[in-house]
N, C-alpha and C. Protein backbone atom coordinates (compact mmCIF):
# COMPACT_ATOMS: atom_id res chain seq x y z
N MET A 1 0.76 -1.33 -0.07
CA MET A 1 0.26 0.31 0.20
C MET A 1 0.78 1.29 0.42
N LYS A 2 0.52 2.26 -0.60
CA LYS A 2 0.84 3.96 -0.56
C LYS A 2 0.01 4.94 0.08
N LYS A 3 0.41 5.52 0.10
CA LYS A 3 -0.13 6.86 0.83
C LYS A 3 0.57 8.28 0.52
N ASN A 4 -0.55 9.11 -0.19
CA ASN A 4 -0.14 10.00 -0.45
C ASN A 4 0.21 11.11 0.38
N HIS A 5 -0.14 12.26 0.46
CA HIS A 5 0.11 13.24 1.44
C HIS A 5 -0.58 13.48 2.52
N ASN A 6 -1.82 13.24 1.73
CA ASN A 6 -3.03 13.45 2.86
C ASN A 6 -3.45 12.12 3.84
N GLU A 7 -1.84 11.03 3.38
CA GLU A 7 -2.74 9.47 4.40
C GLU A 7 -3.44 8.92 3.72
N VAL A 8 -3.83 9.25 2.41
CA VAL A 8 -4.88 7.87 1.60
C VAL A 8 -3.98 6.75 1.18
N ALA A 9 -4.62 5.58 1.56
CA ALA A 9 -3.88 4.21 0.96
C ALA A 9 -4.26 3.95 -0.07
N TYR A 10 -3.16 3.30 -1.20
CA TYR A 10 -3.91 3.22 -2.71
C TYR A 10 -2.66 2.12 -3.03
N GLU A 11 -3.49 1.42 -3.76
CA GLU A 11 -2.66 0.52 -4.84
C GLU A 11 -2.58 0.51 -5.89
N ILE A 12 -1.94 0.28 -6.97
CA ILE A 12 -1.99 0.35 -8.69
C ILE A 12 -1.93 -1.05 -8.84
N ASP A 13 -3.13 -1.45 -9.87
CA ASP A 13 -2.39 -3.16 -10.60
C ASP A 13 -1.99 -2.33 -12.23
N GLU A 14 -1.58 -3.07 -12.65
CA GLU A 14 -1.13 -2.40 -14.13
C GLU A 14 -1.28 -4.02 -15.44
N TYR A 15 -2.29 -3.33 -16.56
CA TYR A 15 -2.60 -4.12 -17.07
C TYR A 15 -1.85 -4.01 -18.91
N ALA A 16 -1.35 -4.67 -19.63
CA ALA A 16 -1.21 -4.57 -21.12
C ALA A 16 -2.46 -5.12 -21.43
N ALA A 17 -3.81 -4.36 -21.70
CA ALA A 17 -4.54 -4.58 -22.02
C ALA A 17 -4.49 -4.71 -23.99
N PHE A 18 -5.18 -5.30 -24.56
CA PHE A 18 -4.81 -5.96 -26.06
C PHE A 18 -3.70 -5.41 -26.55
N PRO A 19 -2.90 -5.97 -26.39
CA PRO A 19 -1.61 -5.85 -26.49
C PRO A 19 -1.29 -5.92 -28.21
N THR A 20 -0.48 -5.53 -28.89
CA THR A 20 -0.14 -5.86 -29.80
C THR A 20 1.29 -6.40 -29.97
N MET A 21 1.77 -7.50 -30.44
CA MET A 21 2.80 -8.06 -29.93
C MET A 21 3.85 -8.23 -31.32
N MET A 22 5.07 -7.58 -31.00
CA MET A 22 5.44 -7.81 -32.60
C MET A 22 7.01 -8.91 -31.70
N TYR A 23 7.86 -9.05 -32.10
CA TYR A 23 8.87 -9.73 -31.96
C TYR A 23 10.50 -9.53 -32.89
N LYS A 24 11.37 -9.78 -32.38
CA LYS A 24 12.51 -8.90 -32.69
C LYS A 24 13.78 -10.58 -32.77
N PHE A 25 14.35 -10.74 -33.58
CA PHE A 25 15.39 -11.82 -33.70
C PHE A 25 16.41 -11.02 -34.23
N LYS A 26 17.71 -11.98 -34.12
CA LYS A 26 18.79 -12.25 -34.72
C LYS A 26 19.45 -12.84 -35.22
N ALA A 27 20.34 -13.33 -36.15
CA ALA A 27 20.56 -14.48 -36.92
C ALA A 27 21.64 -14.45 -37.69
N GLU A 28 22.53 -14.87 -37.51
CA GLU A 28 24.35 -15.02 -38.58
C GLU A 28 23.53 -15.43 -39.62
N LEU A 29 23.04 -14.81 -40.85
CA LEU A 29 22.87 -16.06 -42.10
C LEU A 29 24.50 -15.88 -43.20
N PRO A 30 24.46 -16.47 -44.40
CA PRO A 30 24.74 -16.62 -45.33
C PRO A 30 24.18 -15.62 -46.37
N ILE A 31 24.11 -14.17 -46.78
CA ILE A 31 23.40 -13.45 -46.81
C ILE A 31 24.11 -12.63 -48.13
N ASP A 32 25.21 -13.32 -48.13
CA ASP A 32 26.14 -12.28 -49.53
C ASP A 32 25.18 -12.95 -51.05
N ASP A 33 24.78 -14.40 -51.15
CA ASP A 33 24.20 -14.80 -52.17
C ASP A 33 22.49 -14.39 -52.51
N MET A 34 22.15 -13.82 -51.29
CA MET A 34 20.42 -13.38 -50.83
C MET A 34 20.45 -11.79 -51.38
N VAL A 35 21.73 -11.11 -51.30
CA VAL A 35 21.96 -9.60 -51.61
C VAL A 35 22.02 -9.65 -53.12
N LYS A 36 23.00 -10.67 -53.53
CA LYS A 36 23.15 -10.80 -54.91
C LYS A 36 22.58 -10.70 -55.70
N HIS A 37 21.17 -11.85 -55.03
CA HIS A 37 20.25 -12.49 -55.93
C HIS A 37 18.59 -11.38 -55.90
N ILE A 38 18.51 -10.07 -55.09
CA ILE A 38 18.00 -9.26 -55.09
C ILE A 38 19.00 -7.78 -55.73
N GLN A 39 19.72 -7.73 -55.44
CA GLN A 39 19.42 -6.61 -56.68
C GLN A 39 20.37 -6.61 -57.47
N SER A 40 20.01 -7.98 -58.04
CA SER A 40 20.25 -8.40 -59.93
C SER A 40 19.06 -7.43 -60.58
N GLN A 41 17.88 -7.39 -59.44
CA GLN A 41 16.85 -7.50 -59.98
C GLN A 41 16.39 -5.71 -60.30
N LYS A 42 17.80 -4.96 -59.79
CA LYS A 42 18.05 -3.59 -59.80
C LYS A 42 17.02 -3.01 -61.24
N ASP A 43 15.65 -2.09 -61.40
CA ASP A 43 16.02 -1.29 -61.82
C ASP A 43 16.25 -0.02 -62.14
N LYS A 44 15.03 1.36 -63.30
CA LYS A 44 14.94 1.93 -62.83
C LYS A 44 13.83 2.58 -61.75
N SER A 45 12.72 1.97 -60.75
CA SER A 45 12.54 2.54 -60.44
C SER A 45 12.64 2.40 -59.22
N ASN A 46 12.48 2.89 -58.31
CA ASN A 46 12.98 3.11 -56.63
C ASN A 46 12.39 2.08 -55.49
N ILE A 47 11.91 1.49 -56.22
CA ILE A 47 11.81 0.49 -55.48
C ILE A 47 11.89 -1.01 -55.99
N THR A 48 12.52 -1.40 -55.92
CA THR A 48 12.00 -3.63 -56.38
C THR A 48 12.01 -4.10 -55.90
N GLN A 49 11.36 -4.87 -55.95
CA GLN A 49 10.56 -6.01 -55.05
C GLN A 49 10.79 -7.32 -56.32
N THR A 50 11.20 -8.26 -55.78
CA THR A 50 11.35 -9.17 -56.43
C THR A 50 10.15 -10.52 -56.91
N GLU A 51 10.28 -11.28 -57.39
CA GLU A 51 9.75 -12.80 -57.33
C GLU A 51 8.69 -12.93 -55.81
N SER A 52 7.85 -13.54 -55.88
CA SER A 52 7.23 -13.68 -54.44
C SER A 52 8.10 -15.47 -53.88
N ASN A 53 8.78 -15.53 -54.33
CA ASN A 53 8.97 -17.41 -54.61
C ASN A 53 10.43 -17.80 -54.01
N LEU A 54 10.57 -16.44 -53.16
CA LEU A 54 12.21 -16.87 -52.64
C LEU A 54 12.47 -18.21 -51.78
N HIS A 55 11.27 -18.24 -50.89
CA HIS A 55 11.33 -19.77 -49.89
C HIS A 55 11.35 -20.46 -50.56
N LYS A 56 11.45 -20.24 -52.11
CA LYS A 56 11.38 -21.83 -52.87
C LYS A 56 12.81 -21.87 -52.67
N LEU A 57 13.90 -21.03 -53.12
CA LEU A 57 15.15 -21.14 -53.63
C LEU A 57 16.21 -21.97 -52.25
N GLU A 58 17.61 -22.77 -52.90
CA GLU A 58 18.50 -22.97 -52.25
C GLU A 58 18.51 -21.44 -51.79
N ILE A 59 19.22 -20.79 -52.12
CA ILE A 59 19.82 -19.50 -51.41
C ILE A 59 19.70 -19.26 -50.21
N PHE A 60 17.82 -18.70 -50.20
CA PHE A 60 16.98 -18.38 -49.04
C PHE A 60 16.95 -19.55 -47.84
N ASN A 61 17.63 -20.81 -48.33
CA ASN A 61 16.79 -21.38 -47.61
C ASN A 61 17.64 -21.62 -46.10
N PRO A 62 18.29 -20.86 -45.52
CA PRO A 62 18.91 -20.47 -44.07
C PRO A 62 18.38 -20.15 -43.61
N LEU A 63 17.15 -18.53 -44.10
CA LEU A 63 16.33 -17.56 -43.72
C LEU A 63 15.43 -18.45 -43.20
N VAL A 64 14.84 -19.62 -44.32
CA VAL A 64 13.43 -19.89 -44.14
C VAL A 64 13.12 -20.70 -43.01
N GLN A 65 14.59 -21.52 -42.54
CA GLN A 65 14.08 -22.20 -41.52
C GLN A 65 14.73 -21.38 -40.29
N CYS A 66 15.18 -20.45 -40.41
CA CYS A 66 15.30 -19.20 -39.68
C CYS A 66 14.28 -19.01 -38.54
N ILE A 67 13.16 -18.70 -40.05
CA ILE A 67 11.91 -18.12 -39.77
C ILE A 67 11.20 -19.13 -39.04
N SER A 68 11.49 -20.57 -39.79
CA SER A 68 10.32 -21.19 -38.53
C SER A 68 10.88 -21.42 -37.74
N HIS A 69 11.58 -22.09 -36.97
CA HIS A 69 12.01 -21.72 -35.77
C HIS A 69 11.70 -20.92 -34.58
N VAL A 70 12.06 -19.58 -35.42
CA VAL A 70 11.30 -17.93 -34.80
C VAL A 70 9.15 -18.17 -34.74
N ALA A 71 9.25 -17.94 -36.04
CA ALA A 71 7.83 -18.25 -35.74
C ALA A 71 6.95 -19.77 -34.87
N SER A 72 7.53 -20.64 -34.93
CA SER A 72 7.21 -21.67 -34.09
C SER A 72 6.89 -21.29 -32.84
N GLN A 73 7.87 -20.63 -31.94
CA GLN A 73 8.21 -20.23 -30.65
C GLN A 73 7.32 -19.36 -30.59
N ILE A 74 7.34 -18.45 -31.22
CA ILE A 74 5.86 -17.65 -30.90
C ILE A 74 4.25 -17.71 -31.09
N ILE A 75 4.31 -18.68 -31.91
CA ILE A 75 3.27 -19.31 -32.04
C ILE A 75 2.40 -19.99 -30.69
N GLN A 76 3.65 -20.82 -30.15
CA GLN A 76 3.82 -21.48 -28.90
C GLN A 76 3.46 -19.70 -27.76
N LYS A 77 3.96 -19.52 -27.72
CA LYS A 77 4.41 -18.33 -26.61
C LYS A 77 2.71 -17.72 -26.38
N LEU A 78 1.96 -17.67 -27.73
CA LEU A 78 0.85 -17.15 -27.67
C LEU A 78 -0.14 -17.46 -27.75
N GLU A 79 0.05 -19.13 -27.73
CA GLU A 79 -0.74 -20.18 -27.58
C GLU A 79 -2.13 -20.26 -28.12
N TYR A 80 -1.39 -20.36 -29.41
CA TYR A 80 -2.09 -20.79 -30.63
C TYR A 80 -2.53 -21.94 -31.00
N THR A 81 -3.41 -22.42 -31.27
CA THR A 81 -3.53 -23.96 -32.00
C THR A 81 -3.69 -24.57 -33.50
N CYS A 82 -2.97 -24.69 -34.34
CA CYS A 82 -3.04 -25.46 -35.37
C CYS A 82 -2.38 -26.73 -36.03
N ASP A 83 -2.69 -26.37 -37.43
CA ASP A 83 -2.29 -27.91 -37.69
C ASP A 83 -1.04 -27.33 -38.33
N ALA A 84 -0.61 -26.66 -39.15
CA ALA A 84 1.11 -25.99 -39.80
C ALA A 84 1.16 -24.84 -40.12
N MET A 85 1.86 -24.40 -39.62
CA MET A 85 2.77 -23.29 -40.26
C MET A 85 3.11 -23.25 -41.52
N GLU A 86 2.65 -22.61 -42.67
CA GLU A 86 3.23 -22.16 -43.73
C GLU A 86 3.23 -21.13 -44.60
N ILE A 87 4.84 -20.48 -44.87
CA ILE A 87 5.28 -19.75 -45.36
C ILE A 87 4.83 -19.40 -46.77
N THR A 88 4.10 -18.86 -46.60
CA THR A 88 2.67 -18.05 -48.25
C THR A 88 3.20 -17.67 -49.33
N ASN A 89 4.11 -16.36 -49.08
CA ASN A 89 4.97 -16.16 -50.03
C ASN A 89 6.56 -15.24 -49.14
N MET A 90 7.74 -14.82 -50.17
CA MET A 90 8.86 -14.43 -49.50
C MET A 90 9.35 -13.36 -50.86
N TRP A 91 9.79 -12.21 -50.71
CA TRP A 91 10.10 -11.70 -51.66
C TRP A 91 11.31 -10.88 -51.65
N GLY A 92 12.32 -10.13 -52.56
CA GLY A 92 13.19 -8.92 -51.28
C GLY A 92 12.66 -7.72 -51.72
N ASN A 93 13.02 -7.30 -51.20
CA ASN A 93 13.43 -5.15 -51.11
C ASN A 93 14.08 -4.48 -50.98
N TYR A 94 14.21 -3.95 -52.13
CA TYR A 94 15.48 -2.57 -52.65
C TYR A 94 15.52 -1.39 -53.26
N LEU A 95 15.34 -0.46 -52.24
CA LEU A 95 15.18 0.59 -51.78
C LEU A 95 15.98 1.27 -52.11
N GLN A 96 16.06 2.46 -53.21
CA GLN A 96 17.29 3.47 -53.43
C GLN A 96 17.07 4.40 -52.45
N LYS A 97 18.28 5.16 -52.39
CA LYS A 97 18.11 6.61 -51.77
C LYS A 97 17.36 6.81 -52.04
N GLU A 98 16.52 8.02 -50.92
CA GLU A 98 15.34 9.07 -51.16
C GLU A 98 14.58 7.91 -50.64
N THR A 99 13.91 6.84 -51.49
CA THR A 99 12.92 6.02 -51.42
C THR A 99 12.44 5.95 -50.12
N ALA A 100 10.70 6.06 -49.82
CA ALA A 100 9.91 5.49 -48.78
C ALA A 100 8.91 4.47 -49.71
N HIS A 101 8.45 3.46 -49.05
CA HIS A 101 7.99 2.55 -48.72
C HIS A 101 6.70 2.93 -48.22
N PRO A 102 5.52 3.32 -49.59
CA PRO A 102 4.38 3.59 -48.60
C PRO A 102 3.35 2.11 -47.92
N PRO A 103 2.97 3.24 -46.70
CA PRO A 103 1.86 2.51 -45.66
C PRO A 103 1.45 1.48 -45.84
N HIS A 104 1.18 0.58 -45.78
CA HIS A 104 0.38 -0.96 -46.09
C HIS A 104 0.38 -1.56 -44.93
N THR A 105 0.12 -2.69 -44.95
CA THR A 105 -0.64 -4.28 -44.34
C THR A 105 -0.32 -5.23 -45.59
N HIS A 106 -0.66 -6.75 -44.89
CA HIS A 106 -0.54 -7.79 -45.60
C HIS A 106 -1.58 -8.59 -45.56
N SER A 107 -2.25 -8.29 -46.08
CA SER A 107 -3.67 -9.80 -46.47
C SER A 107 -3.29 -10.46 -46.85
N ASN A 108 -4.71 -11.69 -45.59
CA ASN A 108 -4.68 -13.16 -46.54
C ASN A 108 -3.70 -13.33 -45.92
N ASN A 109 -3.51 -13.37 -44.49
CA ASN A 109 -1.96 -13.99 -43.80
C ASN A 109 -2.19 -13.35 -42.50
N VAL A 110 -1.28 -14.46 -41.47
CA VAL A 110 -1.36 -13.83 -40.17
C VAL A 110 -0.05 -13.26 -39.45
N PHE A 111 0.98 -13.64 -40.09
CA PHE A 111 2.50 -12.94 -39.47
C PHE A 111 2.85 -12.51 -40.78
N SER A 112 3.44 -11.70 -40.37
CA SER A 112 4.43 -10.85 -41.89
C SER A 112 5.96 -10.62 -41.21
N GLY A 113 7.00 -10.63 -41.85
CA GLY A 113 8.09 -10.19 -41.41
C GLY A 113 8.84 -9.56 -42.06
N VAL A 114 10.10 -9.35 -41.33
CA VAL A 114 11.38 -8.83 -42.79
C VAL A 114 12.84 -9.10 -41.84
N TYR A 115 13.77 -9.47 -42.54
CA TYR A 115 15.09 -9.51 -42.27
C TYR A 115 16.13 -8.76 -43.18
N TYR A 116 16.76 -7.52 -42.39
CA TYR A 116 17.74 -6.95 -43.66
C TYR A 116 19.06 -7.65 -43.97
N ILE A 117 19.31 -7.42 -45.07
CA ILE A 117 20.25 -8.21 -45.63
C ILE A 117 22.26 -7.02 -45.97
N ASP A 118 21.19 -6.01 -46.14
CA ASP A 118 22.53 -4.92 -46.81
C ASP A 118 21.63 -3.32 -46.62
N GLY A 119 22.62 -2.70 -45.81
CA GLY A 119 22.68 -0.94 -45.95
C GLY A 119 23.18 -0.89 -44.53
N ASP A 120 23.19 0.06 -44.20
CA ASP A 120 24.28 0.61 -43.36
C ASP A 120 23.45 1.52 -42.09
N LYS A 121 24.58 2.30 -41.33
CA LYS A 121 23.64 3.17 -39.70
C LYS A 121 22.52 3.81 -40.44
N ASN A 122 22.82 4.58 -41.83
CA ASN A 122 21.33 5.62 -41.91
C ASN A 122 20.41 5.45 -42.75
N SER A 123 20.50 4.20 -43.38
CA SER A 123 19.59 3.52 -43.77
C SER A 123 18.27 3.24 -42.97
N ALA A 124 17.07 3.61 -43.40
CA ALA A 124 15.55 4.23 -43.44
C ALA A 124 15.35 3.04 -42.20
N PRO A 125 14.41 3.41 -40.97
CA PRO A 125 13.71 2.39 -40.32
C PRO A 125 12.86 2.02 -40.60
N ILE A 126 11.79 1.01 -40.26
CA ILE A 126 10.62 0.56 -40.24
C ILE A 126 9.92 0.79 -39.18
N GLN A 127 8.40 1.56 -40.05
CA GLN A 127 7.95 2.13 -38.65
C GLN A 127 6.41 1.78 -38.52
N PHE A 128 6.04 1.91 -37.24
CA PHE A 128 4.35 1.60 -37.21
C PHE A 128 3.29 2.11 -36.22
N PHE A 129 2.48 1.79 -37.26
CA PHE A 129 1.17 3.28 -36.47
C PHE A 129 0.34 2.41 -35.40
N ASP A 130 0.08 2.90 -34.15
CA ASP A 130 -1.32 3.01 -33.40
C ASP A 130 -2.49 1.76 -34.48
N PRO A 131 -2.68 1.22 -33.95
CA PRO A 131 -3.97 -0.02 -35.03
C PRO A 131 -5.49 0.38 -34.26
N ARG A 132 -5.02 0.87 -33.07
CA ARG A 132 -6.69 1.19 -32.21
C ARG A 132 -6.70 3.47 -32.73
N PRO A 133 -7.74 3.38 -33.91
CA PRO A 133 -8.64 4.38 -34.48
C PRO A 133 -9.21 5.79 -33.16
N GLN A 134 -9.18 4.89 -32.07
CA GLN A 134 -10.40 6.22 -30.70
C GLN A 134 -8.30 6.54 -30.21
N ALA A 135 -7.47 5.50 -30.58
CA ALA A 135 -6.47 6.32 -29.63
C ALA A 135 -5.89 7.44 -29.97
N ASN A 136 -6.14 8.30 -31.07
CA ASN A 136 -5.61 9.41 -31.55
C ASN A 136 -6.61 10.71 -31.39
N LEU A 137 -7.68 10.72 -30.02
CA LEU A 137 -8.74 11.30 -30.05
C LEU A 137 -8.15 12.66 -29.71
N LEU A 138 -7.71 12.50 -28.67
CA LEU A 138 -6.82 13.30 -27.41
C LEU A 138 -5.64 12.60 -26.97
N LYS A 139 -4.23 13.73 -27.27
CA LYS A 139 -2.78 13.43 -27.77
C LYS A 139 -1.88 14.37 -26.91
N PRO A 140 -2.23 14.33 -25.10
CA PRO A 140 -2.26 15.06 -24.15
C PRO A 140 -0.63 14.41 -24.76
N LYS A 141 0.37 16.21 -23.99
CA LYS A 141 1.93 15.85 -23.99
C LYS A 141 2.29 15.10 -23.41
N ASN A 142 3.38 15.07 -24.31
CA ASN A 142 4.42 13.53 -23.25
C ASN A 142 5.72 13.67 -23.48
N ASN A 143 6.29 12.47 -22.48
CA ASN A 143 7.64 12.17 -23.28
C ASN A 143 7.59 10.84 -23.89
N PRO A 144 7.32 10.72 -25.48
CA PRO A 144 7.30 9.33 -26.03
C PRO A 144 8.42 8.69 -25.30
N THR A 145 7.42 7.50 -25.23
CA THR A 145 7.81 5.67 -24.59
C THR A 145 6.92 5.07 -25.56
N TRP A 146 7.31 3.33 -24.75
CA TRP A 146 6.61 2.44 -25.86
C TRP A 146 4.88 2.34 -25.40
N ASN A 147 4.60 3.15 -23.63
CA ASN A 147 3.51 3.06 -23.78
C ASN A 147 2.46 4.21 -23.97
N ASN A 148 3.18 4.73 -24.66
CA ASN A 148 1.83 6.11 -24.97
C ASN A 148 2.61 6.82 -26.58
N SER A 149 3.48 6.16 -26.94
CA SER A 149 3.74 6.48 -28.81
C SER A 149 2.70 6.07 -29.89
N GLY A 150 1.68 6.79 -30.34
CA GLY A 150 1.34 6.18 -31.71
C GLY A 150 1.76 5.15 -32.62
N MET A 151 3.40 5.85 -32.98
CA MET A 151 4.08 5.21 -33.95
C MET A 151 5.19 5.21 -32.90
N LEU A 152 5.79 3.92 -33.92
CA LEU A 152 7.27 2.95 -32.83
C LEU A 152 7.93 2.56 -34.22
N GLN A 153 9.11 2.30 -34.19
CA GLN A 153 10.55 2.26 -34.96
C GLN A 153 11.35 1.17 -34.73
N PHE A 154 12.25 0.46 -35.71
CA PHE A 154 12.77 -0.44 -35.68
C PHE A 154 14.35 0.20 -36.28
N ASP A 155 14.97 -0.14 -36.01
CA ASP A 155 16.09 0.33 -37.12
C ASP A 155 16.37 -0.92 -38.18
N ALA A 156 17.13 -0.58 -39.29
CA ALA A 156 17.30 -1.75 -40.53
C ALA A 156 18.89 -1.92 -40.41
N THR A 157 19.11 -3.20 -38.88
CA THR A 157 20.24 -3.64 -39.12
C THR A 157 20.69 -4.90 -39.18
N VAL A 158 21.18 -5.36 -39.98
CA VAL A 158 21.47 -6.22 -41.08
C VAL A 158 21.62 -7.39 -39.82
N GLY A 159 21.23 -8.55 -40.45
CA GLY A 159 21.38 -9.66 -39.43
C GLY A 159 20.57 -9.54 -38.22
N THR A 160 19.23 -8.39 -38.50
CA THR A 160 18.48 -8.66 -37.89
C THR A 160 16.69 -9.05 -38.54
N GLY A 161 15.38 -9.51 -37.49
CA GLY A 161 14.78 -9.42 -38.22
C GLY A 161 13.61 -9.26 -37.47
N LEU A 162 12.02 -8.98 -37.94
CA LEU A 162 11.05 -8.41 -36.78
C LEU A 162 9.61 -9.07 -37.85
N ILE A 163 8.85 -9.78 -36.53
CA ILE A 163 7.39 -10.69 -37.04
C ILE A 163 6.45 -9.42 -35.98
N PHE A 164 5.61 -9.70 -36.99
CA PHE A 164 4.45 -9.11 -36.51
C PHE A 164 3.43 -9.40 -37.26
N PRO A 165 2.03 -9.12 -36.50
CA PRO A 165 0.58 -9.35 -36.81
C PRO A 165 0.80 -8.63 -38.88
N SER A 166 -0.05 -8.96 -39.08
CA SER A 166 -0.14 -9.35 -40.75
C SER A 166 -1.21 -7.31 -40.67
N TRP A 167 -2.08 -7.02 -39.91
CA TRP A 167 -2.83 -6.56 -39.97
C TRP A 167 -2.34 -4.88 -39.88
N LEU A 168 -1.15 -5.26 -38.69
CA LEU A 168 -0.58 -4.00 -38.39
C LEU A 168 0.15 -2.74 -39.40
N MET A 169 -0.53 -1.61 -39.70
CA MET A 169 -0.19 -1.06 -40.71
C MET A 169 1.34 -0.35 -40.45
N HIS A 170 2.42 -0.25 -41.17
CA HIS A 170 4.00 -0.34 -41.46
C HIS A 170 4.49 0.76 -42.74
N TRP A 171 5.31 1.49 -42.49
CA TRP A 171 5.91 2.16 -43.94
C TRP A 171 7.54 2.19 -43.45
N VAL A 172 8.52 2.11 -44.54
CA VAL A 172 10.21 3.10 -44.36
C VAL A 172 9.40 3.92 -44.91
N PRO A 173 10.13 5.01 -43.94
CA PRO A 173 10.20 6.62 -44.32
C PRO A 173 10.96 6.75 -45.60
N PRO A 174 11.41 7.95 -46.67
CA PRO A 174 12.46 7.78 -47.60
C PRO A 174 13.56 7.93 -46.68
N THR A 175 14.56 6.89 -47.65
CA THR A 175 15.68 6.70 -46.75
C THR A 175 17.37 6.77 -47.44
N PRO A 176 18.00 8.03 -46.22
CA PRO A 176 18.79 8.17 -46.78
C PRO A 176 20.14 7.84 -47.25
N SER A 177 19.86 6.37 -47.32
CA SER A 177 20.69 5.24 -47.45
C SER A 177 20.41 4.60 -48.28
N GLU A 178 21.06 3.55 -49.29
CA GLU A 178 20.12 1.86 -49.71
C GLU A 178 20.14 1.54 -48.86
N ARG A 179 19.14 0.17 -49.11
CA ARG A 179 18.77 -0.77 -47.86
C ARG A 179 18.50 -1.65 -48.87
N THR A 180 18.02 -3.27 -48.14
CA THR A 180 18.04 -4.69 -49.14
C THR A 180 17.45 -5.27 -47.95
N SER A 181 16.79 -5.48 -48.53
CA SER A 181 15.83 -7.05 -47.04
C SER A 181 14.72 -8.01 -47.51
N VAL A 182 14.55 -8.92 -47.41
CA VAL A 182 13.98 -10.37 -47.47
C VAL A 182 12.22 -9.69 -46.84
N SER A 183 11.37 -10.30 -47.35
CA SER A 183 9.76 -9.75 -46.22
C SER A 183 9.17 -10.98 -47.14
N TRP A 184 8.48 -11.28 -45.60
CA TRP A 184 7.99 -12.62 -46.11
C TRP A 184 6.68 -12.98 -45.47
N ASN A 185 5.17 -14.01 -45.47
CA ASN A 185 4.30 -13.95 -44.86
C ASN A 185 3.63 -15.16 -44.00
N ILE A 186 3.05 -15.48 -43.64
CA ILE A 186 3.02 -16.94 -42.53
C ILE A 186 1.46 -16.43 -42.94
N ILE A 187 0.69 -18.14 -42.41
CA ILE A 187 -0.69 -18.52 -42.60
C ILE A 187 -0.36 -19.35 -41.43
N LEU A 188 -1.45 -19.52 -40.88
CA LEU A 188 -1.35 -21.12 -40.36
C LEU A 188 -2.90 -21.80 -40.61
N ARG A 189 -2.62 -22.75 -40.53
CA ARG A 189 -3.46 -23.76 -41.48
C ARG A 189 -4.36 -24.86 -40.19
N GLY A 190 -5.76 -24.38 -40.17
CA GLY A 190 -6.08 -25.02 -39.07
C GLY A 190 -7.93 -24.45 -39.08
N ASP A 191 -8.24 -24.27 -37.93
CA ASP A 191 -9.87 -24.51 -37.56
C ASP A 191 -8.81 -22.44 -37.08
N TYR A 192 -10.74 -22.36 -37.78
CA TYR A 192 -10.51 -20.23 -37.11
C TYR A 192 -11.76 -20.18 -36.88
N GLY A 193 -12.19 -19.89 -35.81
CA GLY A 193 -13.46 -19.31 -35.07
C GLY A 193 -13.96 -20.31 -34.92
N SER A 194 -15.13 -20.69 -34.04
CA SER A 194 -16.21 -21.51 -33.30
C SER A 194 -17.17 -21.63 -33.97
N LYS A 195 -17.16 -22.66 -34.05
CA LYS A 195 -18.89 -23.59 -34.79
C LYS A 195 -19.67 -23.18 -34.05
N GLU A 196 -20.08 -23.26 -32.92
CA GLU A 196 -21.16 -22.90 -32.19
C GLU A 196 -21.82 -21.54 -32.28
N GLU A 197 -20.82 -20.75 -32.93
CA GLU A 197 -21.30 -19.29 -33.09
C GLU A 197 -21.67 -19.13 -34.41
N TYR A 198 -21.24 -19.83 -35.07
CA TYR A 198 -21.57 -19.93 -36.83
C TYR A 198 -20.79 -18.64 -37.45
N GLN A 199 -19.00 -18.83 -36.22
CA GLN A 199 -18.15 -17.99 -37.27
C GLN A 199 -17.03 -18.48 -37.30
N TYR A 200 -16.54 -19.92 -38.06
CA TYR A 200 -15.70 -20.80 -38.52
C TYR A 200 -15.57 -21.17 -39.65
N ALA A 201 -14.42 -21.45 -39.79
CA ALA A 201 -13.25 -21.54 -41.15
C ALA A 201 -12.65 -22.22 -40.83
N HIS A 202 -12.20 -23.31 -41.80
CA HIS A 202 -10.98 -24.30 -41.83
C HIS A 202 -10.22 -23.86 -42.65
N ILE A 203 -8.96 -23.48 -42.85
CA ILE A 203 -8.01 -23.34 -43.76
C ILE A 203 -6.77 -24.13 -44.03
């Protein structure tokens, strides 16, 4: 129990209500061939995105195996029940200097992710937006922290990756230097919803 200057006893319990869970991982993987494959497709456009089946190419297999292990731990931690986890697609991204990647989500999947394979300390971060529409109705002046911000960002550090809900809006602001990454989507095969509530699907 705490007491204020008026000797009123009180206690505070804190809850993370409806949190949006995100996961960062680090992995030392052979990236040279991955970088060459993606950057070989550079064209005159500011954003180069490769074919979406990189997870089926041998040079990306170490990354695929890493993603599978990390995602499996996340699924267990969140206590999801599924028959199988499947990477539905994987593609490379190359952003030229001063290029942005507009805000977007990844439909028709459960998890999405990104792993950084080329860039430097000036490469633009990835930024995520608060998904709660009501949260921005009033924004008291504050010292920005993880608990009160409407936007969070992660540096595009080579050798690090992120896994996040596919519905979470994100973008890359104009990057001061070139950056190359690999992105992917994951779906969970199995039961969704409740048969009793007529909100059921087997995917």
